[in-house]
Protein backbone atom coordinates (compact mmCIF):
# COMPACT_ATOMS: atom_id res chain seq x y z
CA MET A 1 -89.86 -0.29 31.52
CA SER A 2 -87.70 -3.73 31.61
CA ARG A 3 -84.31 -3.80 31.42
CA ARG A 4 -84.48 -7.18 30.31
CA THR A 5 -83.29 -8.05 26.53
CA GLY A 6 -84.54 -11.52 26.52
CA SER A 7 -87.25 -13.27 27.51
CA ARG A 8 -88.05 -17.43 28.68
CA ARG A 9 -89.61 -18.11 24.54
CA ASP A 10 -85.75 -17.06 23.34
CA LEU A 11 -83.43 -19.91 25.13
CA SER A 12 -82.40 -23.30 23.92
CA GLU A 13 -84.10 -26.66 24.78
CA ASP A 14 -81.06 -27.65 26.59
CA ASP A 15 -80.91 -23.34 28.53
CA ARG A 16 -84.94 -24.56 29.42
CA ILE A 17 -83.62 -27.46 30.63
CA LEU A 18 -81.07 -26.52 33.13
CA TRP A 19 -83.65 -23.80 34.23
CA ASN A 20 -86.28 -25.83 34.89
CA GLN A 21 -84.21 -28.27 36.87
CA VAL A 22 -82.63 -25.00 38.58
CA ALA A 23 -86.33 -23.50 39.26
CA ARG A 24 -87.41 -26.56 41.11
CA THR A 25 -84.58 -26.96 43.40
CA ALA A 26 -84.98 -23.23 44.32
CA VAL A 27 -87.22 -22.63 47.58
CA PRO A 28 -89.25 -19.46 47.82
CA LEU A 29 -88.56 -17.10 50.68
CA LYS A 30 -90.71 -17.34 54.16
CA GLY A 31 -94.27 -16.77 53.79
CA LYS A 32 -93.86 -16.28 49.45
CA THR A 33 -95.09 -19.22 47.01
CA LEU A 34 -93.39 -20.10 44.47
CA PRO A 35 -94.53 -18.48 40.83
CA GLU A 36 -96.74 -21.59 38.60
CA GLU A 37 -95.05 -19.96 35.43
CA MET A 38 -91.41 -19.92 37.18
CA LEU A 39 -91.75 -23.89 35.90
CA ASP A 40 -91.86 -24.31 32.13
CA PRO A 41 -95.17 -26.79 31.98
CA MET A 42 -93.68 -27.41 28.46
CA VAL A 43 -90.06 -28.70 29.68
CA ASP A 44 -89.95 -32.07 31.04
CA ALA A 45 -86.04 -32.97 31.89
CA SER A 46 -85.20 -36.16 29.87
CA ALA A 47 -83.78 -39.76 31.94
CA ALA A 48 -80.00 -38.68 30.65
CA PHE A 49 -79.82 -34.66 32.20
CA HIS A 50 -80.89 -36.69 35.36
CA ASP A 51 -78.67 -38.65 35.60
CA VAL A 52 -75.79 -36.69 34.32
CA LEU A 53 -76.69 -34.53 37.25
CA GLU A 54 -76.70 -37.53 39.27
CA ALA A 55 -72.58 -37.41 38.59
CA ALA A 56 -71.84 -34.28 38.87
CA ALA A 57 -73.27 -34.45 42.86
CA ALA A 58 -71.62 -37.89 43.61
CA ALA A 59 -68.41 -37.06 41.68
CA PRO A 60 -66.06 -35.69 44.78
CA PRO A 61 -65.43 -31.77 44.13
CA PRO A 62 -61.63 -31.76 42.71
CA GLN A 63 -58.38 -31.54 45.84
CA ARG A 64 -56.21 -28.88 45.93
CA PRO A 65 -52.85 -29.46 45.32
CA ARG A 66 -50.89 -29.68 48.34
CA LYS A 67 -47.94 -27.23 48.60
CA SER A 68 -44.67 -28.78 48.97
CA GLN A 69 -43.06 -29.18 51.53
CA GLU A 70 -39.55 -27.13 49.76
CA HIS A 71 -42.33 -23.82 49.80
CA VAL A 72 -41.10 -21.68 52.41
CA HIS A 73 -42.67 -18.65 53.25
CA THR A 74 -39.89 -15.56 53.05
CA PRO A 75 -40.64 -12.57 54.21
CA ARG A 76 -41.78 -9.47 52.61
CA THR A 77 -39.65 -6.76 51.73
CA ILE A 78 -39.79 -3.52 53.22
CA ASP A 79 -41.92 -1.00 50.81
CA GLN A 80 -39.88 1.64 48.83
CA PRO A 81 -40.87 4.90 51.07
CA THR A 82 -39.43 3.33 53.94
CA ARG A 83 -35.86 2.30 52.73
CA GLN A 84 -36.08 5.69 51.61
CA LYS A 85 -36.91 7.15 54.55
CA LEU A 86 -34.34 4.29 56.63
CA ALA A 87 -31.44 4.88 53.84
CA LYS A 88 -31.79 8.96 54.59
CA GLY A 89 -31.38 9.10 57.75
CA ARG A 90 -35.67 10.18 58.13
CA LEU A 91 -36.17 7.27 59.67
CA PRO A 92 -33.80 5.78 62.44
CA LEU A 93 -32.80 2.17 62.71
CA GLU A 94 -32.70 2.07 66.53
CA ALA A 95 -30.06 -0.80 66.35
CA ARG A 96 -27.18 -2.88 64.59
CA VAL A 97 -25.64 -5.79 65.23
CA ASP A 98 -22.01 -7.00 63.44
CA LEU A 99 -22.25 -10.32 62.56
CA HIS A 100 -18.26 -10.43 60.53
CA GLY A 101 -15.91 -12.61 61.18
CA MET A 102 -18.83 -15.38 62.99
CA THR A 103 -19.12 -18.67 62.21
CA GLN A 104 -23.01 -19.51 60.89
CA GLY A 105 -23.91 -21.15 64.09
CA GLU A 106 -22.11 -17.88 65.77
CA ALA A 107 -23.89 -15.59 64.36
CA HIS A 108 -27.69 -17.63 63.95
CA ALA A 109 -27.64 -17.01 68.03
CA LEU A 110 -26.74 -13.70 68.44
CA LEU A 111 -28.82 -12.76 65.48
CA LEU A 112 -31.67 -14.67 67.19
CA GLY A 113 -31.62 -13.11 70.66
CA PHE A 114 -31.03 -9.90 69.25
CA LEU A 115 -34.41 -9.98 66.92
CA HIS A 116 -35.73 -11.16 70.53
CA ARG A 117 -35.00 -8.12 72.94
CA ALA A 118 -35.11 -5.75 70.17
CA HIS A 119 -38.26 -6.74 68.82
CA ALA A 120 -39.18 -6.58 73.24
CA MET A 121 -38.44 -3.48 73.69
CA GLY A 122 -40.53 -2.51 70.89
CA ILE A 123 -37.57 -1.76 68.04
CA ARG A 124 -39.30 -1.72 64.52
CA HIS A 125 -36.22 -0.75 61.86
CA VAL A 126 -32.24 -2.55 63.18
CA LEU A 127 -29.40 -2.82 60.34
CA VAL A 128 -28.51 -6.63 60.34
CA ILE A 129 -24.55 -6.38 59.27
CA THR A 130 -23.68 -9.52 57.67
CA GLY A 131 -20.14 -8.45 55.33
CA LYS A 132 -20.07 -8.77 51.52
CA GLY A 133 -17.45 -11.88 51.95
CA SER A 134 -16.06 -11.66 49.07
CA SER A 135 -12.88 -12.73 50.53
CA LEU A 136 -10.66 -15.44 48.87
CA GLY A 137 -13.41 -16.02 45.93
CA SER A 138 -16.17 -16.42 48.64
CA GLU A 139 -19.97 -14.93 47.82
CA GLY A 140 -20.46 -13.89 51.71
CA VAL A 141 -21.87 -17.45 53.91
CA LEU A 142 -23.86 -14.79 56.17
CA ARG A 143 -24.83 -12.64 53.78
CA LYS A 144 -26.84 -15.90 51.97
CA ALA A 145 -27.97 -17.29 55.21
CA VAL A 146 -29.42 -14.18 57.50
CA PRO A 147 -32.06 -13.51 54.58
CA ALA A 148 -32.73 -17.65 54.87
CA TRP A 149 -32.70 -18.04 58.25
CA PHE A 150 -35.47 -15.02 58.55
CA ALA A 151 -37.75 -17.82 56.31
CA THR A 152 -37.31 -20.48 58.99
CA PRO A 153 -39.63 -20.74 62.08
CA SER A 154 -37.94 -19.47 64.75
CA PHE A 155 -37.19 -15.58 62.78
CA ARG A 156 -40.87 -15.34 61.42
CA PRO A 157 -42.88 -14.26 64.38
CA LEU A 158 -40.07 -11.92 64.28
CA VAL A 159 -39.40 -10.21 61.14
CA GLY A 160 -41.59 -8.25 58.64
CA GLY A 161 -39.49 -8.03 55.90
CA TYR A 162 -35.91 -6.86 55.18
CA GLU A 163 -34.13 -5.24 52.76
CA PHE A 164 -30.24 -4.67 52.03
CA ALA A 165 -29.32 -1.92 52.56
CA ALA A 166 -27.78 1.57 50.62
CA ARG A 167 -24.20 2.23 50.25
CA HIS A 168 -23.07 4.60 53.32
CA HIS A 169 -24.89 1.33 55.94
CA GLY A 170 -23.13 -1.36 53.42
CA GLY A 171 -24.49 -1.86 50.49
CA ALA A 172 -24.91 -5.53 49.30
CA GLY A 173 -23.50 -6.58 52.93
CA ALA A 174 -26.03 -4.81 56.15
CA LEU A 175 -29.94 -5.76 55.66
CA TYR A 176 -32.49 -3.07 56.99
CA VAL A 177 -35.07 -5.02 58.87
CA ARG A 178 -38.57 -4.26 60.17
CA LEU A 179 -39.62 -6.41 63.02
CA ARG A 180 -43.31 -7.49 63.41
CA ARG A 181 -45.23 -5.34 65.91
CA GLN A 182 -45.54 -6.74 69.69
CA SER A 183 -49.38 -6.80 68.86
CA ASP A 184 -48.49 -8.67 65.27
CA VAL A 185 -46.97 -11.62 67.10
CA SER A 186 -49.45 -11.95 70.35
CA SER A 187 -52.36 -12.51 66.90
CA ARG A 188 -50.58 -15.81 65.44
C-alpha cells in the first residue's frame, strides 16, 4: 500500500508548473530513462514563469555579513565539573604565577612566557593570580586585562579556557587557566 496521501492531480496549477520545470531538469540515473508520466503534457510553463526562473538564476547570491573588526574570539570557560575538581583539589593545579604589583607590560611578558613554558611541559591547568586591585578605588587593572589578553593572537593558541578561581585559591583575584593540548596547537 502506498503511503502517499495525494496525487499529482491534487496539485495546484502553480505547483504543477513548478513540478514540470523541476522534472525537465532532472537527470536520470545511469542506465535509466525518465518516465514520460513524470512530465505533465497538460501543463506548459508560461513565459512569465521562465522569466522569473531566469531572473532568480541570474541574481547574485546574497552576501554573508562581514565580521566586524571589533569581534574578538574569547576562549571558552572551563566546564563546571572541571572547575569543581580544581576547586576541591581533585584535579591538581600544576603551576602558578603571581602578577601582584606588576605593570601591565611586565605582567603581560611574564604571563606569556609562563604559559609558553607550561604548555611546552605539557601542563594542563595553572593558576594565574592577578589580585583584586581594590586599593585606592581601582577596579583591578590586571584583573580586567588578563582575560582580555587571552583573546589576543599571542595567547589564543595556548589558552583553551579560563574561569575565576574558588575563594581559597584567590576568588575573583585569580583565574584557573586550562592550557590547550600540544596536538590542538599543531593542528591549527
